[in-house]
Amino acid sequence: MAPPTLKAVLFDVDDTLYSTTAFATKARRRAVEAMVALGGLRVTADQLQAELREVIAEFGPNYDAHYDRMLRRFRAEELGGHSPSVLVAAGVAAYEDTKVREFKPFPGVLEGLKGLRERSGLLLGVITEGLEVKQAEKIHRLGVYPSWTGGPSSSATSSASPSRTPSCGCAPARP
């Protein structure tokens, strides 16, 4: 019996196509610094960041209210009279600005994917853990979407750590 023929290559997104860890660390730091830059807070960026790390550890990276939850851990007077909504908005804006400026694939990723697809004829796709729309945004921002045969296949999870049992799926081919 002939060995099976390779037909597809699937990639993870986070810390495979780009440095998720380095990006998130920098973007979150800029977020808390933007909050402090509003002035009047009686907490430091380091204190905010420590609480933010605890919130992420407790609720997972896909939780949609990290900053809100972090700010609830401080007394109103520590927030310098600012509305939590204003502080959250400053943090979100700084995080998003960091995305626009610094969200890039590892060197050689775009060229490598293009070459692999053109020379091998293999189907290329993504299999990843996280919220599908967030993973699709990453693929779009990284500029790798044109290399894929299909959209991202993702297990939707809000857990703090990856699943011990991998989930697998392939997106249907784009026309």
Protein backbone atom coordinates (compact mmCIF):
# COMPACT_ATOMS: atom_id res chain seq x y z
CA MET A 1 0.00 0.00 0.00
CA ALA A 2 1.32 3.44 -0.95
CA PRO A 3 1.87 5.96 1.82
CA PRO A 4 -0.80 8.66 2.10
CA THR A 5 -0.21 11.76 0.04
CA LEU A 6 0.02 15.12 1.77
CA LYS A 7 -2.84 17.31 0.59
CA ALA A 8 -2.97 20.18 3.02
CA VAL A 9 -0.95 22.11 5.57
CA LEU A 10 -2.74 23.73 8.50
CA PHE A 11 -1.22 26.49 10.58
CA ASP A 12 -2.03 27.90 13.98
CA VAL A 13 -2.17 31.69 14.20
CA ASP A 14 -1.00 32.69 17.67
CA ASP A 15 2.77 32.59 18.20
CA THR A 16 3.10 30.77 14.87
CA LEU A 17 2.39 33.41 12.23
CA TYR A 18 3.19 36.33 14.54
CA SER A 19 4.31 36.88 18.11
CA THR A 20 1.04 36.94 20.00
CA THR A 21 2.81 37.04 23.34
CA ALA A 22 5.04 40.03 22.51
CA PHE A 23 2.22 41.92 20.81
CA ALA A 24 -0.30 41.41 23.62
CA THR A 25 2.25 42.41 26.27
CA LYS A 26 3.07 45.64 24.44
CA ALA A 27 -0.56 46.51 23.57
CA ARG A 28 -1.80 45.87 27.10
CA ARG A 29 1.01 47.97 28.54
CA ARG A 30 0.13 50.83 26.23
CA ALA A 31 -3.52 50.48 27.23
CA VAL A 32 -2.84 50.93 30.95
CA GLU A 33 -0.36 53.73 30.24
CA ALA A 34 -3.08 55.54 28.27
CA MET A 35 -5.38 55.28 31.27
CA VAL A 36 -2.72 56.73 33.57
CA ALA A 37 -1.95 59.48 31.04
CA LEU A 38 -5.44 60.90 31.64
CA GLY A 39 -4.04 62.13 34.94
CA GLY A 40 -5.27 62.05 38.49
CA LEU A 41 -5.15 58.30 39.04
CA ARG A 42 -3.81 57.16 42.39
CA VAL A 43 -2.60 53.91 40.92
CA THR A 44 0.36 53.29 38.65
CA ALA A 45 0.51 51.64 35.27
CA ASP A 46 2.32 48.75 36.99
CA GLN A 47 -0.56 48.28 39.44
CA LEU A 48 -3.12 48.37 36.64
CA GLN A 49 -1.09 45.93 34.60
CA ALA A 50 -0.76 43.51 37.52
CA GLU A 51 -4.55 43.54 38.00
CA LEU A 52 -5.06 43.13 34.25
CA ARG A 53 -2.84 40.04 34.25
CA GLU A 54 -4.93 38.58 37.08
CA VAL A 55 -8.17 39.29 35.19
CA ILE A 56 -6.80 37.61 32.06
CA ALA A 57 -5.63 34.61 34.09
CA GLU A 58 -9.04 34.36 35.76
CA PHE A 59 -11.35 35.00 32.79
CA GLY A 60 -9.19 34.00 29.83
CA PRO A 61 -7.80 35.93 26.89
CA ASN A 62 -11.10 36.00 24.99
CA TYR A 63 -13.12 37.66 27.73
CA ASP A 64 -14.68 40.85 26.35
CA ALA A 65 -14.49 43.04 29.46
CA HIS A 66 -10.91 42.80 30.73
CA TYR A 67 -10.50 46.52 31.37
CA ASP A 68 -13.93 46.92 32.97
CA ARG A 69 -13.25 44.01 35.31
CA MET A 70 -9.76 45.31 36.12
CA LEU A 71 -11.06 48.79 37.01
CA ARG A 72 -13.73 47.32 39.32
CA ARG A 73 -10.89 46.08 41.49
CA PHE A 74 -9.97 49.65 42.41
CA ARG A 75 -11.84 52.13 44.58
CA ALA A 76 -13.42 55.12 42.80
CA GLU A 77 -11.03 57.57 44.45
CA GLU A 78 -8.07 55.59 43.11
CA LEU A 79 -9.38 56.22 39.60
CA GLY A 80 -9.06 59.96 40.06
CA GLY A 81 -12.72 60.76 39.49
CA HIS A 82 -12.65 59.41 35.93
CA SER A 83 -15.60 57.45 34.66
CA PRO A 84 -14.57 53.83 34.15
CA SER A 85 -16.00 54.12 30.63
CA VAL A 86 -13.53 56.89 29.80
CA LEU A 87 -10.64 54.86 31.18
CA VAL A 88 -11.75 51.79 29.23
CA ALA A 89 -12.07 53.88 26.06
CA ALA A 90 -8.54 55.23 26.50
CA GLY A 91 -7.22 51.70 26.98
CA VAL A 92 -9.10 50.27 24.01
CA ALA A 93 -7.95 53.13 21.76
CA ALA A 94 -4.31 52.60 22.76
CA TYR A 95 -4.61 48.84 22.21
CA GLU A 96 -6.19 49.35 18.78
CA ASP A 97 -3.56 51.97 17.83
CA THR A 98 -0.90 49.41 18.69
CA LYS A 99 -2.64 46.89 16.43
CA VAL A 100 -2.60 49.31 13.52
CA ARG A 101 1.08 50.17 13.98
CA GLU A 102 2.65 46.90 15.07
CA PHE A 103 0.53 43.89 14.17
CA LYS A 104 2.81 42.14 11.69
CA PRO A 105 3.66 38.56 10.77
CA PHE A 106 7.03 37.08 11.60
CA PRO A 107 9.64 37.88 8.93
CA GLY A 108 9.32 35.58 5.93
CA VAL A 109 5.80 34.34 6.71
CA LEU A 110 4.06 36.02 3.76
CA GLU A 111 6.73 35.00 1.28
CA GLY A 112 6.89 31.48 2.66
CA LEU A 113 3.14 30.93 2.47
CA LYS A 114 2.97 32.32 -1.05
CA GLY A 115 5.85 30.13 -2.18
CA LEU A 116 4.42 27.03 -0.51
CA ARG A 117 1.07 27.52 -2.16
CA GLU A 118 2.44 28.33 -5.60
CA ARG A 119 5.10 25.61 -5.73
CA SER A 120 3.39 22.75 -3.93
CA GLY A 121 -0.25 22.99 -4.90
CA LEU A 122 -1.11 22.05 -1.31
CA LEU A 123 -4.22 23.42 0.34
CA LEU A 124 -3.28 25.88 3.06
CA GLY A 125 -5.47 26.66 6.02
CA VAL A 126 -5.71 27.75 9.61
CA ILE A 127 -6.76 25.76 12.61
CA THR A 128 -6.70 27.65 15.84
CA GLU A 129 -8.24 28.07 19.23
CA GLY A 130 -10.12 31.22 20.07
CA LEU A 131 -13.07 33.24 18.93
CA GLU A 132 -13.46 32.76 15.20
CA VAL A 133 -14.02 36.43 14.37
CA LYS A 134 -10.94 37.46 16.39
CA GLN A 135 -8.83 34.85 14.63
CA ALA A 136 -10.20 36.00 11.26
CA GLU A 137 -9.28 39.60 12.14
CA LYS A 138 -5.73 38.49 12.88
CA ILE A 139 -5.50 36.68 9.55
CA HIS A 140 -6.77 39.79 7.80
CA ARG A 141 -4.46 42.21 9.64
CA LEU A 142 -1.46 39.98 9.10
CA GLY A 143 -2.13 39.96 5.35
CA VAL A 144 -2.07 36.16 5.14
CA TYR A 145 -5.68 35.61 4.10
CA PRO A 146 -4.91 35.52 0.35
CA SER A 147 -2.69 32.48 0.99
CA TRP A 148 -5.44 30.36 2.53
CA THR A 149 -7.69 27.97 0.73
CA GLY A 150 -10.46 28.64 3.24
CA GLY A 151 -11.31 30.80 6.22
CA PRO A 152 -10.20 30.04 9.77
CA SER A 153 -11.45 27.03 11.60
CA SER A 154 -11.57 27.79 15.26
CA SER A 155 -12.86 26.31 18.44
CA ALA A 156 -14.70 29.07 20.26
CA THR A 157 -13.45 29.16 23.79
CA SER A 158 -13.08 31.62 26.58
CA SER A 159 -10.94 29.38 28.75
CA ALA A 160 -7.77 30.79 30.22
CA SER A 161 -5.63 28.01 28.80
CA PRO A 162 -5.68 25.91 25.67
CA SER A 163 -7.83 22.83 25.65
CA ARG A 164 -6.14 19.58 26.58
CA THR A 165 -8.05 17.89 23.79
CA PRO A 166 -7.30 19.55 20.48
CA SER A 167 -10.16 20.46 18.25
CA CYS A 168 -9.72 20.12 14.56
CA GLY A 169 -11.56 21.34 11.54
CA CYS A 170 -10.93 22.68 8.12
CA ALA A 171 -12.78 25.56 6.59
CA PRO A 172 -14.41 25.01 3.22
CA ALA A 173 -12.44 26.17 0.23
CA ARG A 174 -13.02 29.67 -1.03
CA PRO A 175 -14.45 29.86 -4.54
